[in-house]
């Protein structure tokens, strides 16, 4: 079984290995954060992942499976999200603070803020009386790990 230890920009891999067949690996955010484990490409090829701790797979990257041999492109799976379209700069800052202060993952895009469609997120948005809609889209939060603690 191939064991992946490095991820590279997808375009660089394609340029280095233009004749290799390609496969895809489509994962939601939580699974893209796991740096170790067994996976199966979308087409059924099994491999192991052993990346540096704290690594995350992102769209636009990929890796080589030398024993197969194949290139694998990482893709972000659509996920259930809440889309919050702030109406002012003040709303942007206030809502980002409220969501982050509760340690909820937040994605910031030009058209609004996005958080995972989870009960804690929904409860917060309803308590704040913030308009939001449910959408399905790939999710990559602004910060994977903030390093934030409450201890001194």
C-alpha atoms as a PDB file:
ATOM      1  CA  UNK A   1       0.000   0.000   0.000  1.00  0.00           C
ATOM      2  CA  UNK A   2       1.249   3.475  -0.873  1.00  0.00           C
ATOM      3  CA  UNK A   3       1.932   5.780   2.084  1.00  0.00           C
ATOM      4  CA  UNK A   4       1.716   9.503   1.357  1.00  0.00           C
ATOM      5  CA  UNK A   5       4.155  11.653   3.337  1.00  0.00           C
ATOM      6  CA  UNK A   6       4.163  14.833   1.217  1.00  0.00           C
ATOM      7  CA  UNK A   7       1.583  16.971  -0.518  1.00  0.00           C
ATOM      8  CA  UNK A   8       2.490  19.274  -3.412  1.00  0.00           C
ATOM      9  CA  UNK A   9       0.792  21.953  -5.509  1.00  0.00           C
ATOM     10  CA  UNK A  10      -1.351  20.101  -8.048  1.00  0.00           C
ATOM     11  CA  UNK A  11      -0.109  22.001 -11.104  1.00  0.00           C
ATOM     12  CA  UNK A  12       3.526  21.251 -10.190  1.00  0.00           C
ATOM     13  CA  UNK A  13       2.769  17.525  -9.859  1.00  0.00           C
ATOM     14  CA  UNK A  14       1.010  17.460 -13.242  1.00  0.00           C
ATOM     15  CA  UNK A  15       3.962  19.233 -14.847  1.00  0.00           C
ATOM     16  CA  UNK A  16       6.458  16.782 -13.314  1.00  0.00           C
ATOM     17  CA  UNK A  17       4.414  13.664 -14.172  1.00  0.00           C
ATOM     18  CA  UNK A  18       2.278  14.513 -17.223  1.00  0.00           C
ATOM     19  CA  UNK A  19       1.919  10.869 -18.318  1.00  0.00           C
ATOM     20  CA  UNK A  20       0.675   9.425 -15.028  1.00  0.00           C
ATOM     21  CA  UNK A  21      -3.025   8.668 -14.670  1.00  0.00           C
ATOM     22  CA  UNK A  22      -4.904  10.805 -12.173  1.00  0.00           C
ATOM     23  CA  UNK A  23      -7.486  10.145  -9.506  1.00  0.00           C
ATOM     24  CA  UNK A  24      -9.280  12.413  -7.052  1.00  0.00           C
ATOM     25  CA  UNK A  25      -9.778  12.443  -3.300  1.00  0.00           C
ATOM     26  CA  UNK A  26     -12.849  14.423  -2.236  1.00  0.00           C
ATOM     27  CA  UNK A  27     -13.175  15.019   1.499  1.00  0.00           C
ATOM     28  CA  UNK A  28     -15.066  17.330   3.870  1.00  0.00           C
ATOM     29  CA  UNK A  29     -13.110  19.714   6.102  1.00  0.00           C
ATOM     30  CA  UNK A  30     -12.923  17.504   9.176  1.00  0.00           C
ATOM     31  CA  UNK A  31     -11.438  14.616   7.200  1.00  0.00           C
ATOM     32  CA  UNK A  32      -8.991  16.917   5.385  1.00  0.00           C
ATOM     33  CA  UNK A  33      -7.601  17.870   8.827  1.00  0.00           C
ATOM     34  CA  UNK A  34      -6.560  14.331   9.672  1.00  0.00           C
ATOM     35  CA  UNK A  35      -2.875  13.958   8.919  1.00  0.00           C
ATOM     36  CA  UNK A  36      -2.781  10.177   9.410  1.00  0.00           C
ATOM     37  CA  UNK A  37      -5.020   7.309   8.368  1.00  0.00           C
ATOM     38  CA  UNK A  38      -6.232   5.120   5.544  1.00  0.00           C
ATOM     39  CA  UNK A  39      -8.105   6.581   2.617  1.00  0.00           C
ATOM     40  CA  UNK A  40      -9.621   5.503  -0.676  1.00  0.00           C
ATOM     41  CA  UNK A  41      -9.646   7.722  -3.760  1.00  0.00           C
ATOM     42  CA  UNK A  42     -12.973   8.535  -5.395  1.00  0.00           C
ATOM     43  CA  UNK A  43     -12.107   5.869  -7.976  1.00  0.00           C
ATOM     44  CA  UNK A  44     -11.320   3.163  -5.376  1.00  0.00           C
ATOM     45  CA  UNK A  45      -7.516   3.186  -4.958  1.00  0.00           C
ATOM     46  CA  UNK A  46      -6.490   2.643  -1.297  1.00  0.00           C
ATOM     47  CA  UNK A  47      -3.513   4.365   0.359  1.00  0.00           C
ATOM     48  CA  UNK A  48      -2.216   5.521   3.716  1.00  0.00           C
ATOM     49  CA  UNK A  49      -1.635   9.080   4.803  1.00  0.00           C
ATOM     50  CA  UNK A  50       1.224   9.993   7.159  1.00  0.00           C
ATOM     51  CA  UNK A  51       1.709  13.755   6.984  1.00  0.00           C
ATOM     52  CA  UNK A  52       3.348  16.055   9.505  1.00  0.00           C
ATOM     53  CA  UNK A  53       1.054  16.549  12.514  1.00  0.00           C
ATOM     54  CA  UNK A  54      -1.179  19.562  12.085  1.00  0.00           C
ATOM     55  CA  UNK A  55      -1.197  19.278   8.282  1.00  0.00           C
ATOM     56  CA  UNK A  56      -4.423  19.677   6.352  1.00  0.00           C
ATOM     57  CA  UNK A  57      -5.244  18.663   2.796  1.00  0.00           C
ATOM     58  CA  UNK A  58      -6.443  21.574   0.674  1.00  0.00           C
ATOM     59  CA  UNK A  59      -7.879  22.026  -2.788  1.00  0.00           C
ATOM     60  CA  UNK A  60      -5.191  22.773  -5.349  1.00  0.00           C
ATOM     61  CA  UNK A  61      -2.840  20.186  -3.899  1.00  0.00           C
ATOM     62  CA  UNK A  62      -2.148  16.553  -4.602  1.00  0.00           C
ATOM     63  CA  UNK A  63       0.294  13.726  -4.173  1.00  0.00           C
ATOM     64  CA  UNK A  64       2.005  10.869  -5.933  1.00  0.00           C
ATOM     65  CA  UNK A  65       1.198   7.226  -5.233  1.00  0.00           C
ATOM     66  CA  UNK A  66       4.460   5.721  -6.533  1.00  0.00           C
ATOM     67  CA  UNK A  67       3.548   2.029  -6.250  1.00  0.00           C
ATOM     68  CA  UNK A  68       0.319   2.421  -8.248  1.00  0.00           C
ATOM     69  CA  UNK A  69       1.580   4.765  -9.940  1.00  0.00           C
ATOM     70  CA  UNK A  70      -1.046   7.529  -9.926  1.00  0.00           C
ATOM     71  CA  UNK A  71      -1.373  11.187  -9.112  1.00  0.00           C
ATOM     72  CA  UNK A  72      -4.183  12.130  -6.745  1.00  0.00           C
ATOM     73  CA  UNK A  73      -5.800  15.568  -6.724  1.00  0.00           C
ATOM     74  CA  UNK A  74      -7.345  16.778  -3.463  1.00  0.00           C
ATOM     75  CA  UNK A  75     -10.856  18.210  -3.737  1.00  0.00           C
ATOM     76  CA  UNK A  76     -13.107  19.779  -1.140  1.00  0.00           C
ATOM     77  CA  UNK A  77     -16.476  18.080  -0.661  1.00  0.00           C
ATOM     78  CA  UNK A  78     -19.563  20.278  -0.440  1.00  0.00           C
ATOM     79  CA  UNK A  79     -20.871  20.485   3.116  1.00  0.00           C
ATOM     80  CA  UNK A  80     -23.987  21.806   4.834  1.00  0.00           C
ATOM     81  CA  UNK A  81     -23.165  25.389   5.838  1.00  0.00           C
ATOM     82  CA  UNK A  82     -24.868  28.473   7.195  1.00  0.00           C
ATOM     83  CA  UNK A  83     -24.280  31.536   5.031  1.00  0.00           C
ATOM     84  CA  UNK A  84     -24.397  34.812   6.944  1.00  0.00           C
ATOM     85  CA  UNK A  85     -24.407  37.922   4.733  1.00  0.00           C
ATOM     86  CA  UNK A  86     -23.380  40.806   7.069  1.00  0.00           C
ATOM     87  CA  UNK A  87     -24.901  44.152   6.133  1.00  0.00           C
ATOM     88  CA  UNK A  88     -22.128  46.428   7.399  1.00  0.00           C
ATOM     89  CA  UNK A  89     -18.464  46.387   8.411  1.00  0.00           C
ATOM     90  CA  UNK A  90     -19.593  46.488  12.019  1.00  0.00           C
ATOM     91  CA  UNK A  91     -21.717  43.358  11.450  1.00  0.00           C
ATOM     92  CA  UNK A  92     -18.760  41.574   9.840  1.00  0.00           C
ATOM     93  CA  UNK A  93     -16.533  42.240  12.840  1.00  0.00           C
ATOM     94  CA  UNK A  94     -19.221  41.573  15.446  1.00  0.00           C
ATOM     95  CA  UNK A  95     -20.384  38.297  13.930  1.00  0.00           C
ATOM     96  CA  UNK A  96     -16.856  37.017  13.277  1.00  0.00           C
ATOM     97  CA  UNK A  97     -16.025  37.783  16.920  1.00  0.00           C
ATOM     98  CA  UNK A  98     -19.152  36.048  18.262  1.00  0.00           C
ATOM     99  CA  UNK A  99     -18.595  32.928  16.155  1.00  0.00           C
ATOM    100  CA  UNK A 100     -14.872  32.762  16.935  1.00  0.00           C
ATOM    101  CA  UNK A 101     -15.408  33.432  20.623  1.00  0.00           C
ATOM    102  CA  UNK A 102     -17.453  30.230  20.757  1.00  0.00           C
ATOM    103  CA  UNK A 103     -14.637  28.325  19.033  1.00  0.00           C
ATOM    104  CA  UNK A 104     -16.764  27.594  15.976  1.00  0.00           C
ATOM    105  CA  UNK A 105     -14.954  27.265  12.662  1.00  0.00           C
ATOM    106  CA  UNK A 106     -15.545  30.244  10.384  1.00  0.00           C
ATOM    107  CA  UNK A 107     -14.916  30.720   6.666  1.00  0.00           C
ATOM    108  CA  UNK A 108     -14.695  34.312   5.449  1.00  0.00           C
ATOM    109  CA  UNK A 109     -15.609  34.972   1.818  1.00  0.00           C
ATOM    110  CA  UNK A 110     -16.368  38.189  -0.108  1.00  0.00           C
ATOM    111  CA  UNK A 111     -20.105  37.396  -0.074  1.00  0.00           C
ATOM    112  CA  UNK A 112     -20.344  36.622   3.634  1.00  0.00           C
ATOM    113  CA  UNK A 113     -19.382  34.461   6.557  1.00  0.00           C
ATOM    114  CA  UNK A 114     -19.884  30.690   6.575  1.00  0.00           C
ATOM    115  CA  UNK A 115     -19.958  28.207   9.420  1.00  0.00           C
ATOM    116  CA  UNK A 116     -20.785  24.530   9.528  1.00  0.00           C
ATOM    117  CA  UNK A 117     -24.500  23.784   9.813  1.00  0.00           C
ATOM    118  CA  UNK A 118     -24.310  22.425  13.352  1.00  0.00           C
ATOM    119  CA  UNK A 119     -26.722  22.841  16.269  1.00  0.00           C
ATOM    120  CA  UNK A 120     -24.299  25.136  18.162  1.00  0.00           C
ATOM    121  CA  UNK A 121     -23.941  27.453  15.142  1.00  0.00           C
ATOM    122  CA  UNK A 122     -27.681  27.542  14.529  1.00  0.00           C
ATOM    123  CA  UNK A 123     -28.421  28.293  18.184  1.00  0.00           C
ATOM    124  CA  UNK A 124     -25.922  31.173  18.205  1.00  0.00           C
ATOM    125  CA  UNK A 125     -27.294  32.705  15.006  1.00  0.00           C
ATOM    126  CA  UNK A 126     -30.857  32.408  16.268  1.00  0.00           C
ATOM    127  CA  UNK A 127     -29.924  33.939  19.651  1.00  0.00           C
ATOM    128  CA  UNK A 128     -28.229  36.860  17.889  1.00  0.00           C
ATOM    129  CA  UNK A 129     -31.240  37.138  15.547  1.00  0.00           C
ATOM    130  CA  UNK A 130     -28.930  37.064  12.561  1.00  0.00           C
ATOM    131  CA  UNK A 131     -30.388  36.285   9.136  1.00  0.00           C
ATOM    132  CA  UNK A 132     -28.750  33.242   7.566  1.00  0.00           C
ATOM    133  CA  UNK A 133     -29.461  30.653   4.930  1.00  0.00           C
ATOM    134  CA  UNK A 134     -28.477  27.035   4.527  1.00  0.00           C
ATOM    135  CA  UNK A 135     -26.198  26.263   1.585  1.00  0.00           C
ATOM    136  CA  UNK A 136     -24.026  23.436   0.359  1.00  0.00           C
ATOM    137  CA  UNK A 137     -20.448  24.389  -0.487  1.00  0.00           C
ATOM    138  CA  UNK A 138     -16.846  23.397   0.224  1.00  0.00           C
ATOM    139  CA  UNK A 139     -15.643  24.628   3.633  1.00  0.00           C
ATOM    140  CA  UNK A 140     -12.177  25.765   4.632  1.00  0.00           C
ATOM    141  CA  UNK A 141     -12.148  27.915   7.759  1.00  0.00           C
ATOM    142  CA  UNK A 142      -9.992  31.003   8.093  1.00  0.00           C
ATOM    143  CA  UNK A 143      -7.786  29.394  10.750  1.00  0.00           C
ATOM    144  CA  UNK A 144      -7.393  25.673  11.274  1.00  0.00           C
ATOM    145  CA  UNK A 145      -6.036  26.049  14.794  1.00  0.00           C
ATOM    146  CA  UNK A 146      -6.018  29.444  16.438  1.00  0.00           C
ATOM    147  CA  UNK A 147      -3.746  28.467  19.310  1.00  0.00           C
ATOM    148  CA  UNK A 148      -6.267  30.172  21.560  1.00  0.00           C
ATOM    149  CA  UNK A 149      -6.456  29.054  25.185  1.00  0.00           C
ATOM    150  CA  UNK A 150      -8.063  30.336  28.361  1.00  0.00           C
ATOM    151  CA  UNK A 151      -5.207  29.339  30.682  1.00  0.00           C
ATOM    152  CA  UNK A 152      -2.424  31.570  31.949  1.00  0.00           C
END
